[in-house]
Amino acid sequence: MRILITNDDGINAPGLEVLTDIATEIAGPGGEVWTVAPAFEQSGVGHCISYTHPTMIAKMGPRRYAAEGSPADCVLAGIYDVMTDARPDLVLSGVNRGNNSAENTLYSGTIGGAMEAALQGINAIALSQFYGPRMADQSDKFEASRVHGVSVVRAILKHATWEGADYRTFFNVNFPPVGAADVLGTKVVRQGRRPNTRFKVEPHTAPSGRRFLWITGGAQDDPTGPDTDSQSNVEGYISVTPMRADLTAHDQLPALKAALES
């Protein structure tokens, strides 16, 4: 199996090392793992495509490249530049430093990379490691994803249905903020919604006198309701959520059709 990996934390992020180990195990003997990851931190860029300026790319080692762009840019670079001899069979994005559950999925570069792979017709899985207070004394913050990552990815590959009517399915996996031994299992759940998307906008003044704003996020462990991704993570479960790029509010279509097309 040929696997392309990327992330949004950057080419030198510890989570990418975890993902490399997961991908190597999944690829198996004779398989290939290719890395095309952002040269710099790209957290929060979502599904950004850098079409207004060139994407610089550099070879960092065997099958390892750094691109000055978003995770989605990296996926496109991997498919159409780095791996032109044969497309990847699978794209893995992560392992993100922090959760990508609930509304975080809308901002996540990790999710954006997996989504772009799906749009290009390639099976894709995004993986993220939830951080939390229970991990304060844990030396390896990625322990849950490091220990359980291979088995979860293998289970998805074995049982998933990827094809959709219009948009291909990809999968969002979040590992709970606990040690590997304390993981309670895996739940297949829907995307949640925290009660408030609480961003803080903090004004500051630089030494030069120029004013700037620092935007920070809110609490990540607010309850999101039963059978949701974030809530399952807080309870100690690995969450698996099937996703598609289709943003249509399908439940609105019948009533609006009746009202507007008459």
Protein backbone atom coordinates (compact mmCIF):
# COMPACT_ATOMS: atom_id res chain seq x y z
CA MET A 1 0.00 0.00 0.00
CA ARG A 2 1.16 3.52 -0.84
CA ILE A 3 0.24 6.01 1.87
CA LEU A 4 0.58 9.79 1.77
CA ILE A 5 0.70 11.53 5.15
CA THR A 6 0.33 15.19 6.05
CA ASN A 7 -0.67 17.35 9.02
CA ASP A 8 -1.30 20.97 9.98
CA ASP A 9 1.16 21.26 12.87
CA GLY A 10 4.15 21.23 10.52
CA ILE A 11 6.84 18.91 9.21
CA ASN A 12 8.68 18.75 12.57
CA ALA A 13 5.63 18.17 14.79
CA PRO A 14 5.75 15.18 17.17
CA GLY A 15 2.31 14.04 16.03
CA LEU A 16 3.66 13.54 12.51
CA GLU A 17 6.23 11.12 13.92
CA VAL A 18 3.38 9.18 15.54
CA LEU A 19 1.51 9.15 12.24
CA THR A 20 4.62 7.96 10.38
CA ASP A 21 4.79 4.94 12.68
CA ILE A 22 1.07 4.24 12.21
CA ALA A 23 1.33 4.57 8.42
CA THR A 24 4.42 2.36 8.25
CA GLU A 25 2.59 -0.40 10.10
CA ILE A 26 -0.49 -0.03 7.89
CA ALA A 27 1.53 0.03 4.66
CA GLY A 28 3.21 -3.22 5.61
CA PRO A 29 6.28 -4.90 4.09
CA GLY A 30 6.85 -3.62 0.60
CA GLY A 31 4.57 -0.64 1.20
CA GLU A 32 5.52 3.01 0.91
CA VAL A 33 4.94 5.98 3.19
CA TRP A 34 5.35 9.41 1.62
CA THR A 35 5.29 12.62 3.64
CA VAL A 36 4.27 16.02 2.30
CA ALA A 37 3.66 18.31 5.25
CA PRO A 38 3.60 22.08 5.82
CA ALA A 39 6.96 23.73 6.32
CA PHE A 40 5.37 25.91 9.00
CA GLU A 41 2.47 25.71 11.46
CA GLN A 42 -0.87 25.68 9.63
CA SER A 43 -3.34 25.04 12.44
CA GLY A 44 -6.72 26.65 11.84
CA VAL A 45 -6.34 27.14 8.09
CA GLY A 46 -9.20 24.74 7.35
CA HIS A 47 -9.50 23.70 3.72
CA CYS A 48 -7.41 26.60 2.43
CA ILE A 49 -5.89 26.30 -1.06
CA SER A 50 -2.99 28.68 -1.79
CA TYR A 51 -3.91 29.56 -5.37
CA THR A 52 -2.93 33.25 -5.14
CA HIS A 53 0.78 32.59 -4.66
CA PRO A 54 3.25 29.78 -5.45
CA THR A 55 3.73 26.88 -3.06
CA MET A 56 7.45 26.35 -2.47
CA ILE A 57 8.39 22.72 -1.88
CA ALA A 58 11.65 21.15 -0.71
CA LYS A 59 12.82 17.56 -0.38
CA MET A 60 13.82 16.89 3.24
CA GLY A 61 14.80 13.24 2.88
CA PRO A 62 13.71 10.00 1.20
CA ARG A 63 9.96 10.28 0.44
CA ARG A 64 9.78 13.33 2.71
CA TYR A 65 8.86 16.84 1.55
CA ALA A 66 8.01 20.17 3.17
CA ALA A 67 5.67 22.54 1.35
CA GLU A 68 5.07 26.19 2.20
CA GLY A 69 1.31 25.81 2.14
CA SER A 70 -1.75 24.35 3.80
CA PRO A 71 -2.44 20.64 4.41
CA ALA A 72 -4.76 20.68 1.38
CA ASP A 73 -1.91 22.17 -0.67
CA CYS A 74 0.33 19.38 0.60
CA VAL A 75 -2.16 16.71 -0.45
CA LEU A 76 -2.38 18.19 -3.94
CA ALA A 77 1.41 18.43 -4.11
CA GLY A 78 1.71 14.82 -3.05
CA ILE A 79 -0.79 13.53 -5.59
CA TYR A 80 0.15 15.65 -8.59
CA ASP A 81 3.86 16.33 -8.11
CA VAL A 82 5.62 14.05 -5.64
CA MET A 83 3.79 10.76 -6.37
CA THR A 84 3.08 11.15 -10.07
CA ASP A 85 4.22 7.60 -10.85
CA ALA A 86 1.24 6.19 -8.92
CA ARG A 87 -1.44 7.80 -6.77
CA PRO A 88 -1.58 7.00 -3.05
CA ASP A 89 -4.03 4.34 -1.92
CA LEU A 90 -4.66 6.19 1.33
CA VAL A 91 -4.10 9.64 2.82
CA LEU A 92 -3.65 10.01 6.58
CA SER A 93 -3.70 13.49 8.14
CA GLY A 94 -2.44 14.16 11.68
CA VAL A 95 -1.85 13.19 14.36
CA ASN A 96 -3.06 16.63 15.38
CA ARG A 97 -1.94 18.25 18.62
CA GLY A 98 -5.39 18.77 20.15
CA ASN A 99 -8.90 17.62 19.28
CA ASN A 100 -10.67 18.18 16.00
CA SER A 101 -14.18 17.44 17.14
CA ALA A 102 -17.47 19.36 17.18
CA GLU A 103 -17.18 22.77 15.46
CA ASN A 104 -13.38 22.51 15.49
CA THR A 105 -13.73 20.41 12.35
CA LEU A 106 -14.71 23.54 10.43
CA TYR A 107 -11.41 25.30 11.18
CA SER A 108 -9.08 22.33 11.14
CA GLY A 109 -6.27 22.05 8.62
CA THR A 110 -6.01 18.37 9.58
CA ILE A 111 -9.60 17.86 8.44
CA GLY A 112 -8.98 20.03 5.38
CA GLY A 113 -6.17 17.74 4.23
CA ALA A 114 -8.33 14.63 4.54
CA MET A 115 -11.26 16.34 2.84
CA GLU A 116 -9.13 17.38 -0.12
CA ALA A 117 -7.90 13.81 -0.52
CA ALA A 118 -11.52 12.61 -0.56
CA LEU A 119 -12.39 15.22 -3.19
CA GLN A 120 -9.53 13.83 -5.27
CA GLY A 121 -11.04 10.35 -5.03
CA ILE A 122 -8.63 8.94 -2.45
CA ASN A 123 -9.57 7.23 0.83
CA ALA A 124 -8.63 9.48 3.73
CA ILE A 125 -8.61 9.50 7.53
CA ALA A 126 -7.88 12.44 9.85
CA LEU A 127 -6.46 11.65 13.30
CA SER A 128 -6.24 13.96 16.31
CA GLN A 129 -5.15 13.63 19.93
CA PHE A 130 -7.40 15.39 22.47
CA TYR A 131 -5.44 17.04 25.31
CA GLY A 132 -6.90 17.43 28.79
CA PRO A 133 -6.16 17.95 32.51
CA ARG A 134 -5.97 14.20 33.12
CA MET A 135 -2.85 14.15 30.94
CA ALA A 136 -0.96 16.74 33.02
CA ASP A 137 1.44 14.17 34.48
CA GLN A 138 1.65 12.05 31.35
CA SER A 139 5.03 12.34 29.62
CA ASP A 140 3.77 11.11 26.24
CA LYS A 141 0.72 13.19 25.34
CA PHE A 142 0.24 11.08 22.20
CA GLU A 143 0.18 7.76 24.04
CA ALA A 144 -3.46 6.94 23.24
CA SER A 145 -3.03 7.60 19.53
CA ARG A 146 0.38 5.92 19.44
CA VAL A 147 -0.95 2.70 21.01
CA HIS A 148 -4.42 2.53 19.45
CA GLY A 149 -3.90 4.28 16.11
CA VAL A 150 -3.05 1.24 14.01
CA SER A 151 -5.99 -0.85 15.19
CA VAL A 152 -8.49 1.97 14.60
CA VAL A 153 -7.20 2.71 11.10
CA ARG A 154 -7.22 -0.99 10.23
CA ALA A 155 -10.80 -1.35 11.45
CA ILE A 156 -11.92 1.60 9.32
CA LEU A 157 -10.13 0.25 6.26
CA LYS A 158 -11.77 -3.14 6.75
CA HIS A 159 -15.34 -1.99 7.30
CA ALA A 160 -15.74 1.46 5.72
CA THR A 161 -17.82 2.34 2.70
CA TRP A 162 -16.07 5.22 0.99
CA GLU A 163 -18.22 5.99 -2.03
CA GLY A 164 -21.04 8.52 -1.69
CA ALA A 165 -23.69 9.65 -4.15
CA ASP A 166 -21.72 12.80 -4.98
CA TYR A 167 -19.04 13.25 -2.33
CA ARG A 168 -16.64 10.61 -1.10
CA THR A 169 -16.68 9.76 2.61
CA PHE A 170 -13.63 10.40 4.78
CA PHE A 171 -13.22 9.66 8.47
CA ASN A 172 -12.43 11.82 11.48
CA VAL A 173 -10.79 10.02 14.42
CA ASN A 174 -10.19 11.67 17.80
CA PHE A 175 -8.29 9.99 20.61
CA PRO A 176 -9.39 10.83 24.17
CA PRO A 177 -7.35 12.87 26.68
CA VAL A 178 -6.30 9.82 28.71
CA GLY A 179 -3.45 7.33 28.78
CA ALA A 180 -3.59 4.34 26.45
CA ALA A 181 -4.56 1.95 29.25
CA ASP A 182 -7.51 4.16 30.23
CA VAL A 183 -9.14 4.23 26.79
CA LEU A 184 -12.59 2.67 27.22
CA GLY A 185 -13.12 1.65 23.60
CA THR A 186 -14.27 3.12 20.31
CA LYS A 187 -17.56 4.84 19.46
CA VAL A 188 -18.88 5.67 16.01
CA VAL A 189 -20.64 8.99 16.56
CA ARG A 190 -21.87 12.16 14.91
CA GLN A 191 -20.17 15.55 14.96
CA GLY A 192 -21.15 17.48 18.07
CA ARG A 193 -21.70 21.15 18.76
CA ARG A 194 -20.45 22.88 21.88
CA PRO A 195 -22.97 25.28 23.48
CA ASN A 196 -20.86 28.29 22.56
CA THR A 197 -18.11 28.76 20.02
CA ARG A 198 -16.25 31.05 22.36
CA PHE A 199 -13.38 32.86 20.77
CA LYS A 200 -11.60 35.57 22.70
CA VAL A 201 -10.24 38.55 20.81
CA GLU A 202 -7.54 40.17 22.94
CA PRO A 203 -6.13 43.57 21.87
CA HIS A 204 -2.43 44.28 22.37
CA THR A 205 0.09 46.92 21.40
CA ALA A 206 3.46 45.97 19.94
CA PRO A 207 6.68 47.74 21.08
CA SER A 208 6.54 49.62 17.79
CA GLY A 209 3.19 51.05 18.83
CA ARG A 210 1.25 49.08 16.28
CA ARG A 211 -2.00 47.55 17.54
CA PHE A 212 -2.72 43.85 17.04
CA LEU A 213 -5.29 41.24 18.08
CA TRP A 214 -4.69 37.77 19.53
CA ILE A 215 -7.54 35.31 18.91
CA THR A 216 -7.82 32.35 21.28
CA GLY A 217 -10.35 29.53 21.57
CA GLY A 218 -12.65 28.57 24.43
CA ALA A 219 -12.97 25.48 26.63
CA GLN A 220 -12.71 22.20 24.74
CA ASP A 221 -14.43 19.94 27.26
CA ASP A 222 -17.88 21.58 27.27
CA PRO A 223 -20.59 18.90 26.89
CA THR A 224 -21.84 18.33 23.33
CA GLY A 225 -24.59 15.81 24.03
CA PRO A 226 -24.76 12.00 23.89
CA ASP A 227 -23.33 10.06 20.96
CA THR A 228 -21.17 12.95 19.77
CA ASP A 229 -17.46 13.07 19.04
CA SER A 230 -16.27 15.50 21.70
CA GLN A 231 -18.47 14.07 24.45
CA SER A 232 -17.22 10.55 23.70
CA ASN A 233 -13.63 11.77 23.97
CA VAL A 234 -14.24 13.47 27.31
CA GLU A 235 -15.75 10.20 28.57
CA GLY A 236 -12.61 8.30 27.53
CA TYR A 237 -13.60 6.82 24.16
CA ILE A 238 -11.98 7.04 20.75
CA SER A 239 -14.46 8.70 18.41
CA VAL A 240 -14.87 7.81 14.74
CA THR A 241 -17.06 10.09 12.62
CA PRO A 242 -17.79 9.53 8.92
CA MET A 243 -17.82 12.88 7.10
CA ARG A 244 -18.42 14.35 3.65
CA ALA A 245 -17.75 17.73 2.07
CA ASP A 246 -21.45 18.25 1.26
CA LEU A 247 -22.60 21.29 3.29
CA THR A 248 -26.20 21.21 2.04
CA ALA A 249 -28.90 21.47 4.72
CA HIS A 250 -30.91 18.63 3.17
CA ASP A 251 -33.73 18.88 5.71
CA GLN A 252 -34.50 22.39 4.42
CA LEU A 253 -34.92 21.41 0.78
CA PRO A 254 -38.53 20.06 0.67
CA ALA A 255 -40.16 23.06 2.37
CA LEU A 256 -38.08 25.60 0.46
CA LYS A 257 -38.77 23.87 -2.85
CA ALA A 258 -42.49 23.98 -2.14
CA ALA A 259 -42.35 27.65 -1.19
CA LEU A 260 -39.94 29.04 -3.75
CA GLU A 261 -40.47 26.87 -6.82
CA SER A 262 -44.27 27.14 -6.96
